[in-house]
PDB file of N, CA and C in Angstrom:
ATOM      1  N   UNK A   1       8.463  -1.543  10.278  1.00  0.00           N
ATOM      2  CA  UNK A   1       9.227  -0.654   9.366  1.00  0.00           C
ATOM      3  C   UNK A   1       8.216   0.110   8.446  1.00  0.00           C
ATOM      4  N   UNK A   2       8.532   1.359   8.347  1.00  0.00           N
ATOM      5  CA  UNK A   2       7.637   2.122   7.549  1.00  0.00           C
ATOM      6  C   UNK A   2       8.004   2.238   6.095  1.00  0.00           C
ATOM      7  N   UNK A   3       7.044   2.716   5.285  1.00  0.00           N
ATOM      8  CA  UNK A   3       7.131   2.867   3.859  1.00  0.00           C
ATOM      9  C   UNK A   3       8.144   3.779   3.471  1.00  0.00           C
ATOM     10  N   UNK A   4       8.963   3.579   2.538  1.00  0.00           N
ATOM     11  CA  UNK A   4      10.076   4.386   2.028  1.00  0.00           C
ATOM     12  C   UNK A   4       9.414   5.821   1.558  1.00  0.00           C
ATOM     13  N   UNK A   5       8.226   5.749   1.021  1.00  0.00           N
ATOM     14  CA  UNK A   5       7.546   6.974   0.454  1.00  0.00           C
ATOM     15  C   UNK A   5       7.139   7.937   1.684  1.00  0.00           C
ATOM     16  N   UNK A   6       7.138   7.314   2.900  1.00  0.00           N
ATOM     17  CA  UNK A   6       6.745   8.150   4.011  1.00  0.00           C
ATOM     18  C   UNK A   6       7.988   8.980   4.477  1.00  0.00           C
ATOM     19  N   UNK A   7       9.139   8.458   4.175  1.00  0.00           N
ATOM     20  CA  UNK A   7      10.422   9.071   4.589  1.00  0.00           C
ATOM     21  C   UNK A   7      10.798  10.289   3.762  1.00  0.00           C
ATOM     22  N   UNK A   8      10.623  10.247   2.406  1.00  0.00           N
ATOM     23  CA  UNK A   8      10.916  11.278   1.496  1.00  0.00           C
ATOM     24  C   UNK A   8       9.636  11.871   1.234  1.00  0.00           C
ATOM     25  N   UNK A   9       9.541  13.152   1.661  1.00  0.00           N
ATOM     26  CA  UNK A   9       8.188  13.875   1.512  1.00  0.00           C
ATOM     27  C   UNK A   9       8.103  14.663   0.213  1.00  0.00           C
ATOM     28  N   UNK A  10       9.274  15.175  -0.309  1.00  0.00           N
ATOM     29  CA  UNK A  10       9.272  15.860  -1.588  1.00  0.00           C
ATOM     30  C   UNK A  10      10.647  16.497  -1.808  1.00  0.00           C
ATOM     31  N   UNK A  11      10.780  17.049  -2.961  1.00  0.00           N
ATOM     32  CA  UNK A  11      11.895  17.770  -3.379  1.00  0.00           C
ATOM     33  C   UNK A  11      11.985  19.140  -2.756  1.00  0.00           C
ATOM     34  N   UNK A  12      13.164  19.747  -2.590  1.00  0.00           N
ATOM     35  CA  UNK A  12      13.304  21.149  -2.163  1.00  0.00           C
ATOM     36  C   UNK A  12      13.777  21.916  -3.409  1.00  0.00           C
ATOM     37  N   UNK A  13      13.007  22.668  -3.940  1.00  0.00           N
ATOM     38  CA  UNK A  13      13.375  23.365  -5.236  1.00  0.00           C
ATOM     39  C   UNK A  13      13.597  24.824  -4.887  1.00  0.00           C
ATOM     40  N   UNK A  14      14.876  25.186  -4.773  1.00  0.00           N
ATOM     41  CA  UNK A  14      15.272  26.554  -4.471  1.00  0.00           C
ATOM     42  C   UNK A  14      16.448  26.840  -5.403  1.00  0.00           C
ATOM     43  N   UNK A  15      16.849  28.087  -5.480  1.00  0.00           N
ATOM     44  CA  UNK A  15      18.062  28.514  -6.311  1.00  0.00           C
ATOM     45  C   UNK A  15      19.295  27.762  -5.916  1.00  0.00           C
ATOM     46  N   UNK A  16      19.456  27.577  -4.658  1.00  0.00           N
ATOM     47  CA  UNK A  16      20.646  26.860  -4.188  1.00  0.00           C
ATOM     48  C   UNK A  16      20.585  25.475  -4.571  1.00  0.00           C
ATOM     49  N   UNK A  17      19.514  24.811  -4.463  1.00  0.00           N
ATOM     50  CA  UNK A  17      19.362  23.342  -4.697  1.00  0.00           C
ATOM     51  C   UNK A  17      19.583  23.173  -6.293  1.00  0.00           C
ATOM     52  N   UNK A  18      19.116  24.196  -7.153  1.00  0.00           N
ATOM     53  CA  UNK A  18      19.233  24.043  -8.529  1.00  0.00           C
ATOM     54  C   UNK A  18      20.762  24.092  -8.830  1.00  0.00           C
ATOM     55  N   UNK A  19      21.583  24.996  -8.088  1.00  0.00           N
ATOM     56  CA  UNK A  19      22.958  25.046  -8.363  1.00  0.00           C
ATOM     57  C   UNK A  19      23.761  23.833  -8.052  1.00  0.00           C
ATOM     58  N   UNK A  20      23.274  23.096  -7.103  1.00  0.00           N
ATOM     59  CA  UNK A  20      23.857  21.837  -6.624  1.00  0.00           C
ATOM     60  C   UNK A  20      23.645  20.641  -7.506  1.00  0.00           C
ATOM     61  N   UNK A  21      22.678  20.693  -8.367  1.00  0.00           N
ATOM     62  CA  UNK A  21      22.358  19.569  -9.213  1.00  0.00           C
ATOM     63  C   UNK A  21      23.492  19.209 -10.000  1.00  0.00           C
ATOM     64  N   UNK A  22      24.350  20.080 -10.524  1.00  0.00           N
ATOM     65  CA  UNK A  22      25.586  19.839 -11.373  1.00  0.00           C
ATOM     66  C   UNK A  22      26.553  19.120 -10.547  1.00  0.00           C
ATOM     67  N   UNK A  23      26.571  19.256  -9.196  1.00  0.00           N
ATOM     68  CA  UNK A  23      27.479  18.542  -8.385  1.00  0.00           C
ATOM     69  C   UNK A  23      26.982  17.159  -7.878  1.00  0.00           C
ATOM     70  N   UNK A  24      25.819  16.800  -8.433  1.00  0.00           N
ATOM     71  CA  UNK A  24      25.108  15.544  -8.034  1.00  0.00           C
ATOM     72  C   UNK A  24      24.687  15.565  -6.591  1.00  0.00           C
ATOM     73  N   UNK A  25      24.199  16.782  -6.162  1.00  0.00           N
ATOM     74  CA  UNK A  25      23.645  16.918  -4.845  1.00  0.00           C
ATOM     75  C   UNK A  25      22.187  17.373  -4.977  1.00  0.00           C
ATOM     76  N   UNK A  26      21.342  16.568  -4.299  1.00  0.00           N
ATOM     77  CA  UNK A  26      19.852  16.689  -4.432  1.00  0.00           C
ATOM     78  C   UNK A  26      19.268  16.992  -3.030  1.00  0.00           C
ATOM     79  N   UNK A  27      18.325  17.915  -2.928  1.00  0.00           N
ATOM     80  CA  UNK A  27      17.728  18.313  -1.619  1.00  0.00           C
ATOM     81  C   UNK A  27      16.316  17.711  -1.576  1.00  0.00           C
ATOM     82  N   UNK A  28      15.861  17.138  -0.441  1.00  0.00           N
ATOM     83  CA  UNK A  28      14.669  16.662  -0.186  1.00  0.00           C
ATOM     84  C   UNK A  28      14.152  17.044   1.184  1.00  0.00           C
ATOM     85  N   UNK A  29      12.911  17.289   1.311  1.00  0.00           N
ATOM     86  CA  UNK A  29      12.155  17.312   2.673  1.00  0.00           C
ATOM     87  C   UNK A  29      11.922  16.013   3.045  1.00  0.00           C
ATOM     88  N   UNK A  30      12.232  15.682   4.287  1.00  0.00           N
ATOM     89  CA  UNK A  30      12.113  14.198   4.843  1.00  0.00           C
ATOM     90  C   UNK A  30      11.413  14.285   6.129  1.00  0.00           C
ATOM     91  N   UNK A  31      10.861  13.088   6.556  1.00  0.00           N
ATOM     92  CA  UNK A  31      10.209  12.945   7.865  1.00  0.00           C
ATOM     93  C   UNK A  31      11.224  13.461   9.014  1.00  0.00           C
ATOM     94  N   UNK A  32      10.604  14.144   9.908  1.00  0.00           N
ATOM     95  CA  UNK A  32      11.361  14.721  11.093  1.00  0.00           C
ATOM     96  C   UNK A  32      12.136  13.547  11.834  1.00  0.00           C
ATOM     97  N   UNK A  33      11.564  12.404  11.981  1.00  0.00           N
ATOM     98  CA  UNK A  33      12.144  11.409  12.814  1.00  0.00           C
ATOM     99  C   UNK A  33      12.942  10.431  11.945  1.00  0.00           C
ATOM    100  N   UNK A  34      13.117  10.687  10.661  1.00  0.00           N
ATOM    101  CA  UNK A  34      14.063   9.845   9.763  1.00  0.00           C
ATOM    102  C   UNK A  34      15.508  10.070  10.056  1.00  0.00           C
ATOM    103  N   UNK A  35      16.270   9.003  10.069  1.00  0.00           N
ATOM    104  CA  UNK A  35      17.805   9.139  10.233  1.00  0.00           C
ATOM    105  C   UNK A  35      18.389   8.970   8.879  1.00  0.00           C
ATOM    106  N   UNK A  36      19.700   9.248   8.922  1.00  0.00           N
ATOM    107  CA  UNK A  36      20.544   9.202   7.591  1.00  0.00           C
ATOM    108  C   UNK A  36      20.466   7.900   6.886  1.00  0.00           C
ATOM    109  N   UNK A  37      20.486   6.821   7.665  1.00  0.00           N
ATOM    110  CA  UNK A  37      20.553   5.531   7.030  1.00  0.00           C
ATOM    111  C   UNK A  37      19.168   5.208   6.266  1.00  0.00           C
ATOM    112  N   UNK A  38      18.106   5.541   7.032  1.00  0.00           N
ATOM    113  CA  UNK A  38      16.846   5.349   6.303  1.00  0.00           C
ATOM    114  C   UNK A  38      16.611   6.282   5.107  1.00  0.00           C
ATOM    115  N   UNK A  39      17.124   7.453   5.230  1.00  0.00           N
ATOM    116  CA  UNK A  39      17.045   8.374   4.053  1.00  0.00           C
ATOM    117  C   UNK A  39      17.938   7.850   2.805  1.00  0.00           C
ATOM    118  N   UNK A  40      19.065   7.341   3.138  1.00  0.00           N
ATOM    119  CA  UNK A  40      19.922   6.762   1.979  1.00  0.00           C
ATOM    120  C   UNK A  40      19.200   5.579   1.429  1.00  0.00           C
ATOM    121  N   UNK A  41      18.597   4.718   2.194  1.00  0.00           N
ATOM    122  CA  UNK A  41      17.979   3.496   1.697  1.00  0.00           C
ATOM    123  C   UNK A  41      16.867   3.954   0.793  1.00  0.00           C
ATOM    124  N   UNK A  42      16.011   4.883   1.270  1.00  0.00           N
ATOM    125  CA  UNK A  42      14.825   5.316   0.570  1.00  0.00           C
ATOM    126  C   UNK A  42      15.184   5.938  -0.735  1.00  0.00           C
ATOM    127  N   UNK A  43      16.170   6.924  -0.805  1.00  0.00           N
ATOM    128  CA  UNK A  43      16.633   7.475  -2.042  1.00  0.00           C
ATOM    129  C   UNK A  43      17.136   6.495  -3.076  1.00  0.00           C
ATOM    130  N   UNK A  44      17.978   5.538  -2.470  1.00  0.00           N
ATOM    131  CA  UNK A  44      18.430   4.514  -3.458  1.00  0.00           C
ATOM    132  C   UNK A  44      17.413   3.598  -4.006  1.00  0.00           C
ATOM    133  N   UNK A  45      16.363   3.328  -3.232  1.00  0.00           N
ATOM    134  CA  UNK A  45      15.312   2.340  -3.732  1.00  0.00           C
ATOM    135  C   UNK A  45      14.280   3.109  -4.586  1.00  0.00           C
ATOM    136  N   UNK A  46      13.981   4.329  -4.281  1.00  0.00           N
ATOM    137  CA  UNK A  46      13.054   5.159  -5.098  1.00  0.00           C
ATOM    138  C   UNK A  46      13.564   5.462  -6.513  1.00  0.00           C
ATOM    139  N   UNK A  47      14.855   5.972  -6.482  1.00  0.00           N
ATOM    140  CA  UNK A  47      15.359   6.657  -7.699  1.00  0.00           C
ATOM    141  C   UNK A  47      16.330   5.748  -8.318  1.00  0.00           C
ATOM    142  N   UNK A  48      16.633   4.493  -7.834  1.00  0.00           N
ATOM    143  CA  UNK A  48      17.644   3.589  -8.408  1.00  0.00           C
ATOM    144  C   UNK A  48      18.991   4.175  -8.590  1.00  0.00           C
ATOM    145  N   UNK A  49      19.610   4.822  -7.669  1.00  0.00           N
ATOM    146  CA  UNK A  49      20.912   5.506  -7.734  1.00  0.00           C
ATOM    147  C   UNK A  49      21.761   4.973  -6.589  1.00  0.00           C
ATOM    148  N   UNK A  50      23.046   5.348  -6.598  1.00  0.00           N
ATOM    149  CA  UNK A  50      24.019   5.029  -5.518  1.00  0.00           C
ATOM    150  C   UNK A  50      24.290   6.332  -4.705  1.00  0.00           C
ATOM    151  N   UNK A  51      24.030   6.338  -3.434  1.00  0.00           N
ATOM    152  CA  UNK A  51      24.224   7.439  -2.576  1.00  0.00           C
ATOM    153  C   UNK A  51      25.546   7.368  -1.891  1.00  0.00           C
ATOM    154  N   UNK A  52      26.325   8.480  -1.978  1.00  0.00           N
ATOM    155  CA  UNK A  52      27.629   8.591  -1.212  1.00  0.00           C
ATOM    156  C   UNK A  52      27.449   9.098   0.196  1.00  0.00           C
ATOM    157  N   UNK A  53      26.707  10.081   0.336  1.00  0.00           N
ATOM    158  CA  UNK A  53      26.482  10.702   1.612  1.00  0.00           C
ATOM    159  C   UNK A  53      25.216  11.410   1.840  1.00  0.00           C
ATOM    160  N   UNK A  54      24.822  11.675   3.065  1.00  0.00           N
ATOM    161  CA  UNK A  54      23.511  12.388   3.342  1.00  0.00           C
ATOM    162  C   UNK A  54      23.923  13.300   4.508  1.00  0.00           C
ATOM    163  N   UNK A  55      23.501  14.624   4.383  1.00  0.00           N
ATOM    164  CA  UNK A  55      23.573  15.573   5.253  1.00  0.00           C
ATOM    165  C   UNK A  55      22.172  16.072   5.533  1.00  0.00           C
ATOM    166  N   UNK A  56      21.891  16.209   6.915  1.00  0.00           N
ATOM    167  CA  UNK A  56      20.594  16.601   7.265  1.00  0.00           C
ATOM    168  C   UNK A  56      20.564  17.897   8.140  1.00  0.00           C
ATOM    169  N   UNK A  57      19.539  18.643   8.052  1.00  0.00           N
ATOM    170  CA  UNK A  57      19.394  19.786   8.955  1.00  0.00           C
ATOM    171  C   UNK A  57      17.846  19.817   9.389  1.00  0.00           C
ATOM    172  N   UNK A  58      17.609  20.181  10.688  1.00  0.00           N
ATOM    173  CA  UNK A  58      16.365  20.323  11.207  1.00  0.00           C
ATOM    174  C   UNK A  58      16.126  21.862  11.560  1.00  0.00           C
ATOM    175  N   UNK A  59      15.006  22.320  11.014  1.00  0.00           N
ATOM    176  CA  UNK A  59      14.521  23.687  11.317  1.00  0.00           C
ATOM    177  C   UNK A  59      13.483  23.686  12.376  1.00  0.00           C
ATOM    178  N   UNK A  60      13.513  24.313  13.419  1.00  0.00           N
ATOM    179  CA  UNK A  60      12.503  24.346  14.455  1.00  0.00           C
ATOM    180  C   UNK A  60      11.391  25.368  13.831  1.00  0.00           C
ATOM    181  N   UNK A  61      10.105  24.967  14.285  1.00  0.00           N
ATOM    182  CA  UNK A  61       8.976  25.839  13.802  1.00  0.00           C
ATOM    183  C   UNK A  61       9.087  27.230  14.329  1.00  0.00           C
ATOM    184  N   UNK A  62       8.553  28.219  13.693  1.00  0.00           N
ATOM    185  CA  UNK A  62       8.550  29.588  14.078  1.00  0.00           C
ATOM    186  C   UNK A  62       7.298  29.822  15.020  1.00  0.00           C
ATOM    187  N   UNK A  63       7.558  30.762  16.037  1.00  0.00           N
ATOM    188  CA  UNK A  63       6.423  31.144  16.870  1.00  0.00           C
ATOM    189  C   UNK A  63       5.587  32.139  16.128  1.00  0.00           C
ATOM    190  N   UNK A  64       4.354  31.880  15.966  1.00  0.00           N
ATOM    191  CA  UNK A  64       3.390  32.715  15.322  1.00  0.00           C
ATOM    192  C   UNK A  64       2.236  33.165  16.268  1.00  0.00           C
ATOM    193  N   UNK A  65       1.836  34.365  16.128  1.00  0.00           N
ATOM    194  CA  UNK A  65       0.768  34.899  16.981  1.00  0.00           C
ATOM    195  C   UNK A  65      -0.393  35.369  16.117  1.00  0.00           C
ATOM    196  N   UNK A  66      -1.562  35.228  16.567  1.00  0.00           N
ATOM    197  CA  UNK A  66      -2.849  35.674  16.058  1.00  0.00           C
ATOM    198  C   UNK A  66      -3.615  36.196  17.143  1.00  0.00           C
ATOM    199  N   UNK A  67      -3.471  37.493  17.389  1.00  0.00           N
ATOM    200  CA  UNK A  67      -4.118  38.118  18.580  1.00  0.00           C
ATOM    201  C   UNK A  67      -3.548  37.548  19.820  1.00  0.00           C
ATOM    202  N   UNK A  68      -4.484  37.100  20.770  1.00  0.00           N
ATOM    203  CA  UNK A  68      -3.963  36.520  21.940  1.00  0.00           C
ATOM    204  C   UNK A  68      -3.302  35.212  21.910  1.00  0.00           C
ATOM    205  N   UNK A  69      -3.785  34.334  20.904  1.00  0.00           N
ATOM    206  CA  UNK A  69      -3.239  33.009  20.845  1.00  0.00           C
ATOM    207  C   UNK A  69      -1.838  33.004  20.089  1.00  0.00           C
ATOM    208  N   UNK A  70      -0.958  32.113  20.686  1.00  0.00           N
ATOM    209  CA  UNK A  70       0.222  31.888  19.968  1.00  0.00           C
ATOM    210  C   UNK A  70       0.543  30.396  19.714  1.00  0.00           C
ATOM    211  N   UNK A  71       1.293  30.112  18.778  1.00  0.00           N
ATOM    212  CA  UNK A  71       1.662  28.677  18.647  1.00  0.00           C
ATOM    213  C   UNK A  71       2.852  28.615  17.675  1.00  0.00           C
ATOM    214  N   UNK A  72       3.209  27.379  17.352  1.00  0.00           N
ATOM    215  CA  UNK A  72       4.381  27.243  16.406  1.00  0.00           C
ATOM    216  C   UNK A  72       3.974  26.498  15.112  1.00  0.00           C
ATOM    217  N   UNK A  73       4.727  26.856  14.167  1.00  0.00           N
ATOM    218  CA  UNK A  73       4.559  26.207  12.863  1.00  0.00           C
ATOM    219  C   UNK A  73       5.341  24.867  13.054  1.00  0.00           C
ATOM    220  N   UNK A  74       5.040  23.994  12.089  1.00  0.00           N
ATOM    221  CA  UNK A  74       5.626  22.607  12.096  1.00  0.00           C
ATOM    222  C   UNK A  74       7.174  22.597  11.900  1.00  0.00           C
ATOM    223  N   UNK A  75       7.847  21.625  12.542  1.00  0.00           N
ATOM    224  CA  UNK A  75       9.274  21.445  12.333  1.00  0.00           C
ATOM    225  C   UNK A  75       9.450  20.815  10.955  1.00  0.00           C
ATOM    226  N   UNK A  76      10.630  21.275  10.279  1.00  0.00           N
ATOM    227  CA  UNK A  76      10.920  20.594   9.024  1.00  0.00           C
ATOM    228  C   UNK A  76      12.309  20.232   8.961  1.00  0.00           C
ATOM    229  N   UNK A  77      12.452  19.021   8.379  1.00  0.00           N
ATOM    230  CA  UNK A  77      13.821  18.501   8.246  1.00  0.00           C
ATOM    231  C   UNK A  77      14.150  18.272   6.731  1.00  0.00           C
ATOM    232  N   UNK A  78      15.422  18.724   6.418  1.00  0.00           N
ATOM    233  CA  UNK A  78      15.844  18.732   5.020  1.00  0.00           C
ATOM    234  C   UNK A  78      17.052  17.796   4.970  1.00  0.00           C
ATOM    235  N   UNK A  79      17.163  17.114   3.844  1.00  0.00           N
ATOM    236  CA  UNK A  79      18.369  16.280   3.625  1.00  0.00           C
ATOM    237  C   UNK A  79      19.001  16.648   2.246  1.00  0.00           C
ATOM    238  N   UNK A  80      20.262  16.782   2.122  1.00  0.00           N
ATOM    239  CA  UNK A  80      21.036  17.033   0.965  1.00  0.00           C
ATOM    240  C   UNK A  80      21.713  15.632   0.833  1.00  0.00           C
ATOM    241  N   UNK A  81      21.404  15.065  -0.342  1.00  0.00           N
ATOM    242  CA  UNK A  81      21.917  13.680  -0.728  1.00  0.00           C
ATOM    243  C   UNK A  81      23.002  13.837  -1.811  1.00  0.00           C
ATOM    244  N   UNK A  82      24.100  13.416  -1.644  1.00  0.00           N
ATOM    245  CA  UNK A  82      25.182  13.438  -2.584  1.00  0.00           C
ATOM    246  C   UNK A  82      25.277  12.015  -3.161  1.00  0.00           C
ATOM    247  N   UNK A  83      25.311  11.930  -4.590  1.00  0.00           N
ATOM    248  CA  UNK A  83      25.499  10.668  -5.207  1.00  0.00           C
ATOM    249  C   UNK A  83      26.906  10.357  -5.483  1.00  0.00           C
ATOM    250  N   UNK A  84      27.176   9.081  -5.789  1.00  0.00           N
ATOM    251  CA  UNK A  84      28.534   8.627  -6.117  1.00  0.00           C
ATOM    252  C   UNK A  84      28.846   9.129  -7.463  1.00  0.00           C
ATOM    253  N   UNK A  85      30.192   9.288  -7.738  1.00  0.00           N
ATOM    254  CA  UNK A  85      30.579   9.621  -9.168  1.00  0.00           C
ATOM    255  C   UNK A  85      30.124   8.841 -10.254  1.00  0.00           C
ATOM    256  N   UNK A  86      30.030   7.527 -10.115  1.00  0.00           N
ATOM    257  CA  UNK A  86      29.562   6.609 -11.191  1.00  0.00           C
ATOM    258  C   UNK A  86      28.010   6.385 -11.268  1.00  0.00           C
ATOM    259  N   UNK A  87      27.299   6.978 -10.297  1.00  0.00           N
ATOM    260  CA  UNK A  87      25.969   6.840 -10.315  1.00  0.00           C
ATOM    261  C   UNK A  87      25.279   7.802 -11.343  1.00  0.00           C
ATOM    262  N   UNK A  88      24.164   7.308 -11.807  1.00  0.00           N
ATOM    263  CA  UNK A  88      23.376   8.031 -12.837  1.00  0.00           C
ATOM    264  C   UNK A  88      22.584   9.163 -12.063  1.00  0.00           C
ATOM    265  N   UNK A  89      22.360  10.285 -12.666  1.00  0.00           N
ATOM    266  CA  UNK A  89      21.635  11.382 -12.043  1.00  0.00           C
ATOM    267  C   UNK A  89      20.184  11.029 -11.879  1.00  0.00           C
ATOM    268  N   UNK A  90      19.471  11.792 -11.019  1.00  0.00           N
ATOM    269  CA  UNK A  90      18.002  11.524 -10.769  1.00  0.00           C
ATOM    270  C   UNK A  90      17.354  12.334 -11.918  1.00  0.00           C
ATOM    271  N   UNK A  91      16.520  11.650 -12.697  1.00  0.00           N
ATOM    272  CA  UNK A  91      15.889  12.130 -13.704  1.00  0.00           C
ATOM    273  C   UNK A  91      14.868  13.335 -13.452  1.00  0.00           C
ATOM    274  N   UNK A  92      14.093  13.236 -12.304  1.00  0.00           N
ATOM    275  CA  UNK A  92      13.233  14.243 -11.958  1.00  0.00           C
ATOM    276  C   UNK A  92      13.924  15.608 -11.951  1.00  0.00           C
ATOM    277  N   UNK A  93      15.137  15.707 -11.336  1.00  0.00           N
ATOM    278  CA  UNK A  93      15.874  17.035 -11.175  1.00  0.00           C
ATOM    279  C   UNK A  93      16.536  17.386 -12.486  1.00  0.00           C
ATOM    280  N   UNK A  94      16.910  16.472 -13.318  1.00  0.00           N
ATOM    281  CA  UNK A  94      17.552  16.748 -14.612  1.00  0.00           C
ATOM    282  C   UNK A  94      16.541  17.488 -15.383  1.00  0.00           C
ATOM    283  N   UNK A  95      15.330  17.032 -15.446  1.00  0.00           N
ATOM    284  CA  UNK A  95      14.325  17.783 -16.349  1.00  0.00           C
ATOM    285  C   UNK A  95      13.981  19.093 -15.896  1.00  0.00           C
ATOM    286  N   UNK A  96      14.227  19.441 -14.580  1.00  0.00           N
ATOM    287  CA  UNK A  96      13.983  20.743 -14.080  1.00  0.00           C
ATOM    288  C   UNK A  96      14.898  21.782 -14.586  1.00  0.00           C
ATOM    289  N   UNK A  97      16.230  21.420 -14.935  1.00  0.00           N
ATOM    290  CA  UNK A  97      17.199  22.395 -15.222  1.00  0.00           C
ATOM    291  C   UNK A  97      17.468  22.623 -16.723  1.00  0.00           C
ATOM    292  N   UNK A  98      16.655  21.902 -17.513  1.00  0.00           N
ATOM    293  CA  UNK A  98      16.822  22.090 -18.995  1.00  0.00           C
ATOM    294  C   UNK A  98      15.736  23.171 -19.498  1.00  0.00           C
TER     295      UNK A  98
END
């Protein structure tokens, strides 16, 4: 079993993610091979909150060219975590909106 801090790579801080904080929805960049159950357990353990649901999306890497050589950028997986109504908010995100 891997470390929970390897599953959650960091927060996604965009305008849309800031708007969803009031709805208790928080966005994270996660490991590409992590599943919803692992993400839920990691968020609950790291932030000491109760998770209601997890939605994930995987973005394929873009094809980039530099002269003759071409390659792809890395795949990215994002997770939108919704907390339960009675759960306390995540303090890290709450300090961002004030």
